[in-house]
């Protein structure tokens, strides 16, 4: 599933092509994906200018004067900027036409989403999918303090607390594994038992790893590609994720895998205590 770096890479890829452009058409090739498409979207967006793009966690936002599109890439989705004459393929479900080019959503597994939040419904942050999200991790000097304070009553494992997204957003499975490794924290440690000192290391690891992943175009494990059609290559930098049975690149011990909340967790028992 595309995580925060992949969504941010996508946003940066489409922004120069869509910001300031006027929508000339909307094409919906099915009734919806994870949720139904707004049936009146073609009427809502025709002849409207895109003011800006944004991101909240793993949700991509496209802002208009009268509201915002909320896009989610689901398990396997990606956006591309293409010529308006480009014929659609089997899994191309949604086009935002912008004159002689278009922004196309491709989603083979159909877990993505295209939703609308009108300005009459209030601020975009009040949308039901966004209002309970935690803080954005990048650029926060107080991230360690937030993690520490809001985890004092959390008996769940620190890995699960990171994935929950109600304290900090965007730290999905890949980047949680890598961040916990860099911080030297065992993924099964109860969140409330992690000290402020260790949260300080974890916050720095989260921010460094997410920033590095964005710089490297994200991780392309299965379906993800950027808006320019290029794959990311951060997966070449993994220390533990998807490396079960291989030597730890830091100590030489064997990387292990456990299952937490139906997700695979990779870690080094020697480096993470």
Protein backbone atom coordinates (compact mmCIF):
# COMPACT_ATOMS: atom_id res chain seq x y z
CA UNK A 1 0.00 0.00 0.00
CA UNK A 2 1.36 3.47 -0.82
CA UNK A 3 2.39 5.14 2.43
CA UNK A 4 3.13 8.79 3.26
CA UNK A 5 6.32 9.04 1.15
CA UNK A 6 4.62 7.54 -1.91
CA UNK A 7 1.62 9.87 -1.57
CA UNK A 8 3.89 12.89 -1.11
CA UNK A 9 5.97 11.84 -4.13
CA UNK A 10 2.72 11.63 -6.10
CA UNK A 11 1.59 15.06 -4.90
CA UNK A 12 4.88 16.65 -5.87
CA UNK A 13 4.73 14.91 -9.22
CA UNK A 14 1.27 16.13 -10.19
CA UNK A 15 1.42 19.61 -8.61
CA UNK A 16 3.29 21.42 -11.43
CA UNK A 17 0.86 19.97 -13.99
CA UNK A 18 -2.45 20.60 -12.22
CA UNK A 19 -2.10 23.65 -10.00
CA UNK A 20 -3.60 26.68 -11.71
CA UNK A 21 -5.21 24.54 -14.42
CA UNK A 22 -8.92 24.50 -15.25
CA UNK A 23 -10.89 21.26 -15.35
CA UNK A 24 -12.40 20.69 -18.79
CA UNK A 25 -13.88 17.28 -18.08
CA UNK A 26 -14.29 14.43 -15.59
CA UNK A 27 -14.42 10.80 -16.71
CA UNK A 28 -15.64 8.07 -14.33
CA UNK A 29 -15.47 4.58 -15.82
CA UNK A 30 -17.21 2.82 -12.96
CA UNK A 31 -19.60 3.79 -10.16
CA UNK A 32 -16.85 3.92 -7.56
CA UNK A 33 -13.95 2.18 -5.89
CA UNK A 34 -13.87 1.65 -2.13
CA UNK A 35 -16.75 4.12 -1.93
CA UNK A 36 -19.05 5.39 -4.70
CA UNK A 37 -17.84 8.27 -6.81
CA UNK A 38 -19.87 11.47 -6.29
CA UNK A 39 -22.33 11.23 -9.17
CA UNK A 40 -22.39 15.00 -9.71
CA UNK A 41 -18.60 15.37 -9.83
CA UNK A 42 -18.51 16.28 -13.56
CA UNK A 43 -20.93 19.17 -12.93
CA UNK A 44 -19.13 20.23 -9.75
CA UNK A 45 -15.68 20.44 -11.35
CA UNK A 46 -16.31 21.48 -14.97
CA UNK A 47 -14.67 24.87 -15.68
CA UNK A 48 -13.29 25.09 -12.13
CA UNK A 49 -9.65 26.01 -11.48
CA UNK A 50 -7.36 23.95 -9.24
CA UNK A 51 -6.00 26.29 -6.60
CA UNK A 52 -3.50 23.99 -4.88
CA UNK A 53 -2.63 20.42 -3.98
CA UNK A 54 -2.14 19.07 -0.48
CA UNK A 55 -1.76 15.92 1.56
CA UNK A 56 -3.10 14.74 4.91
CA UNK A 57 -1.51 11.47 5.97
CA UNK A 58 -2.08 9.09 3.06
CA UNK A 59 -4.86 11.22 1.53
CA UNK A 60 -4.09 13.42 -1.46
CA UNK A 61 -6.04 16.69 -1.61
CA UNK A 62 -6.85 18.79 -4.67
CA UNK A 63 -8.27 22.15 -3.65
CA UNK A 64 -10.80 24.24 -5.56
CA UNK A 65 -12.47 27.50 -4.52
CA UNK A 66 -15.68 25.64 -3.63
CA UNK A 67 -14.25 22.47 -2.07
CA UNK A 68 -11.65 19.74 -2.31
CA UNK A 69 -11.20 16.38 -3.98
CA UNK A 70 -9.97 13.72 -1.56
CA UNK A 71 -8.04 10.92 -3.26
CA UNK A 72 -6.71 7.72 -1.75
CA UNK A 73 -4.47 5.34 -3.68
CA UNK A 74 -5.70 2.26 -1.82
CA UNK A 75 -3.59 -0.89 -2.00
CA UNK A 76 -2.31 -0.59 -5.55
CA UNK A 77 -3.29 2.77 -7.02
CA UNK A 78 -1.26 5.49 -8.69
CA UNK A 79 -1.82 8.76 -10.54
CA UNK A 80 -0.27 9.66 -13.88
CA UNK A 81 -0.17 12.85 -15.93
CA UNK A 82 -0.88 11.87 -19.54
CA UNK A 83 -1.94 13.43 -22.86
CA UNK A 84 -5.71 13.89 -22.99
CA UNK A 85 -5.78 11.62 -26.06
CA UNK A 86 -4.19 8.66 -24.20
CA UNK A 87 -6.61 5.68 -24.44
CA UNK A 88 -7.58 4.14 -21.09
CA UNK A 89 -6.45 0.66 -20.05
CA UNK A 90 -8.35 -1.96 -18.04
CA UNK A 91 -7.70 -0.53 -14.57
CA UNK A 92 -7.93 3.19 -15.43
CA UNK A 93 -11.01 4.24 -13.48
CA UNK A 94 -10.97 8.04 -13.18
CA UNK A 95 -9.70 10.96 -15.30
CA UNK A 96 -9.52 14.63 -14.43
CA UNK A 97 -9.17 16.30 -17.83
CA UNK A 98 -7.18 19.54 -17.94
CA UNK A 99 -7.23 20.76 -21.54
CA UNK A 100 -4.69 18.80 -23.58
CA UNK A 101 -3.59 16.66 -20.62
CA UNK A 102 -5.25 14.64 -17.90
CA UNK A 103 -4.62 13.21 -14.45
CA UNK A 104 -5.54 9.51 -14.46
CA UNK A 105 -6.16 7.23 -11.47
CA UNK A 106 -5.20 3.61 -12.07
CA UNK A 107 -6.16 1.12 -9.36
CA UNK A 108 -6.03 -2.62 -10.16
CA UNK A 109 -7.36 -3.76 -6.78
CA UNK A 110 -10.00 -0.99 -6.50
CA UNK A 111 -9.38 -0.08 -2.85
CA UNK A 112 -8.73 3.57 -3.68
CA UNK A 113 -11.15 6.47 -3.38
CA UNK A 114 -12.28 9.69 -5.07
CA UNK A 115 -14.44 11.80 -2.76
CA UNK A 116 -15.66 15.39 -2.62
CA UNK A 117 -15.78 17.77 0.35
CA UNK A 118 -17.66 20.96 -0.43
CA UNK A 119 -16.72 24.22 1.27
CA UNK A 120 -20.26 24.45 2.65
CA UNK A 121 -19.44 21.37 4.77
CA UNK A 122 -16.72 23.23 6.67
CA UNK A 123 -12.93 22.97 6.71
CA UNK A 124 -11.40 19.99 4.95
CA UNK A 125 -9.84 18.86 8.25
CA UNK A 126 -13.39 18.21 9.51
CA UNK A 127 -14.08 15.53 6.90
CA UNK A 128 -14.93 12.23 8.58
CA UNK A 129 -11.83 10.53 7.16
CA UNK A 130 -9.46 13.27 8.31
CA UNK A 131 -10.72 14.63 11.61
CA UNK A 132 -9.30 11.87 13.82
CA UNK A 133 -5.86 11.71 12.20
CA UNK A 134 -2.79 12.44 14.29
CA UNK A 135 -0.11 15.02 13.62
CA UNK A 136 1.99 15.12 10.48
CA UNK A 137 5.47 13.82 11.38
CA UNK A 138 7.60 15.93 9.05
CA UNK A 139 8.80 19.30 10.28
CA UNK A 140 7.55 18.80 13.88
CA UNK A 141 10.14 19.69 16.52
CA UNK A 142 7.75 18.44 19.21
CA UNK A 143 7.09 14.99 17.71
CA UNK A 144 8.94 13.10 20.45
CA UNK A 145 7.00 14.92 23.18
CA UNK A 146 3.69 14.22 21.42
CA UNK A 147 4.51 10.51 21.05
CA UNK A 148 5.57 10.27 24.69
CA UNK A 149 2.63 12.17 26.19
CA UNK A 150 -0.07 10.47 24.13
CA UNK A 151 1.24 6.96 24.71
CA UNK A 152 1.25 6.97 28.52
CA UNK A 153 -1.99 4.97 28.66
CA UNK A 154 -1.28 2.77 25.65
CA UNK A 155 -0.61 -0.87 26.53
CA UNK A 156 -0.54 -1.86 22.85
CA UNK A 157 2.79 -2.58 21.17
CA UNK A 158 4.64 0.49 19.93
CA UNK A 159 4.51 -0.81 16.33
CA UNK A 160 0.69 -1.02 16.51
CA UNK A 161 0.43 2.45 18.02
CA UNK A 162 2.46 3.90 15.16
CA UNK A 163 0.24 2.17 12.59
CA UNK A 164 -2.98 3.34 14.27
CA UNK A 165 -2.45 6.88 12.96
CA UNK A 166 -4.27 8.71 15.75
CA UNK A 167 -1.07 10.06 17.33
CA UNK A 168 1.08 10.46 14.22
CA UNK A 169 -0.01 9.87 10.62
CA UNK A 170 1.72 8.28 7.68
CA UNK A 171 4.06 5.88 9.47
CA UNK A 172 2.85 2.75 7.69
CA UNK A 173 4.20 -0.77 8.01
CA UNK A 174 7.41 -0.35 6.02
CA UNK A 175 8.51 2.87 7.67
CA UNK A 176 7.44 1.80 11.17
CA UNK A 177 9.69 -1.28 10.89
CA UNK A 178 12.61 0.77 9.63
CA UNK A 179 12.13 3.58 12.19
CA UNK A 180 11.93 1.20 15.14
CA UNK A 181 15.09 -0.51 13.94
CA UNK A 182 16.98 2.77 13.65
CA UNK A 183 15.78 3.81 17.13
CA UNK A 184 16.73 0.42 18.63
CA UNK A 185 13.23 -0.30 19.95
CA UNK A 186 11.71 -3.78 19.89
CA UNK A 187 8.40 -3.60 17.96
CA UNK A 188 6.48 -5.54 20.64
CA UNK A 189 7.42 -3.13 23.46
CA UNK A 190 4.33 -1.61 25.08
CA UNK A 191 4.08 2.03 23.96
CA UNK A 192 3.66 3.28 27.52
CA UNK A 193 6.97 1.66 28.52
CA UNK A 194 9.01 3.60 25.97
CA UNK A 195 10.87 6.45 27.64
CA UNK A 196 11.03 10.04 26.42
CA UNK A 197 14.69 9.50 25.55
CA UNK A 198 13.82 6.56 23.30
CA UNK A 199 10.88 8.44 21.77
CA UNK A 200 13.32 11.22 20.95
CA UNK A 201 15.41 8.72 18.98
CA UNK A 202 12.26 7.28 17.38
CA UNK A 203 10.92 10.69 16.32
CA UNK A 204 14.26 11.55 14.70
CA UNK A 205 14.31 8.17 12.93
CA UNK A 206 10.74 8.60 11.62
CA UNK A 207 11.50 12.03 10.23
CA UNK A 208 14.82 11.05 8.68
CA UNK A 209 13.49 7.87 7.08
CA UNK A 210 10.33 9.47 5.68
CA UNK A 211 12.33 12.38 4.25
CA UNK A 212 14.87 10.00 2.70
CA UNK A 213 12.10 7.87 1.19
CA UNK A 214 10.49 10.94 -0.40
CA UNK A 215 13.85 12.01 -1.84
CA UNK A 216 14.30 8.53 -3.34
CA UNK A 217 10.83 8.43 -4.90
CA UNK A 218 9.25 6.19 -2.26
CA UNK A 219 9.21 2.40 -2.24
CA UNK A 220 8.10 0.41 -5.28
CA UNK A 221 7.45 -3.12 -4.03
CA UNK A 222 4.52 -4.06 -6.28
CA UNK A 223 2.37 -1.54 -8.12
CA UNK A 224 3.51 1.91 -7.03
CA UNK A 225 4.98 4.32 -9.56
CA UNK A 226 5.21 8.09 -9.43
CA UNK A 227 3.23 10.51 -11.57
CA UNK A 228 6.05 10.45 -14.12
CA UNK A 229 5.83 6.67 -14.44
CA UNK A 230 9.11 6.05 -12.60
CA UNK A 231 9.55 3.59 -9.74
CA UNK A 232 10.93 4.61 -6.37
CA UNK A 233 14.07 2.98 -5.04
CA UNK A 234 14.01 3.45 -1.25
CA UNK A 235 13.48 -0.32 -0.91
CA UNK A 236 17.16 -0.70 -1.73
CA UNK A 237 17.92 1.00 1.61
CA UNK A 238 15.87 -1.27 3.90
CA UNK A 239 17.65 -2.54 6.98
CA UNK A 240 14.96 -4.98 8.15
CA UNK A 241 11.73 -4.75 6.16
CA UNK A 242 11.10 -7.84 4.02
CA UNK A 243 14.55 -9.23 4.97
CA UNK A 244 13.50 -12.19 7.14
CA UNK A 245 16.33 -14.72 7.48
CA UNK A 246 18.96 -12.35 6.08
CA UNK A 247 21.87 -10.90 8.04
CA UNK A 248 21.26 -7.65 9.90
CA UNK A 249 23.24 -4.97 8.11
CA UNK A 250 24.24 -3.47 11.44
CA UNK A 251 25.25 -6.44 13.63
CA UNK A 252 25.11 -9.54 11.43
CA UNK A 253 22.38 -11.22 13.47
CA UNK A 254 19.47 -12.82 11.60
CA UNK A 255 16.50 -10.56 10.80
CA UNK A 256 13.29 -12.01 12.22
CA UNK A 257 9.62 -11.67 11.34
CA UNK A 258 6.57 -11.69 13.62
CA UNK A 259 2.92 -10.94 12.88
CA UNK A 260 1.29 -8.00 14.67
CA UNK A 261 -2.28 -7.07 13.87
CA UNK A 262 -2.19 -9.26 10.76
CA UNK A 263 0.82 -7.33 9.44
CA UNK A 264 4.36 -8.64 9.13
CA UNK A 265 6.92 -6.96 11.36
CA UNK A 266 10.63 -7.33 10.64
CA UNK A 267 13.27 -6.63 13.29
CA UNK A 268 16.67 -7.55 14.68
CA UNK A 269 16.48 -9.01 18.21
CA UNK A 270 20.06 -7.93 18.95
CA UNK A 271 19.76 -4.32 17.79
CA UNK A 272 16.21 -3.80 19.07
CA UNK A 273 15.62 -4.48 22.75
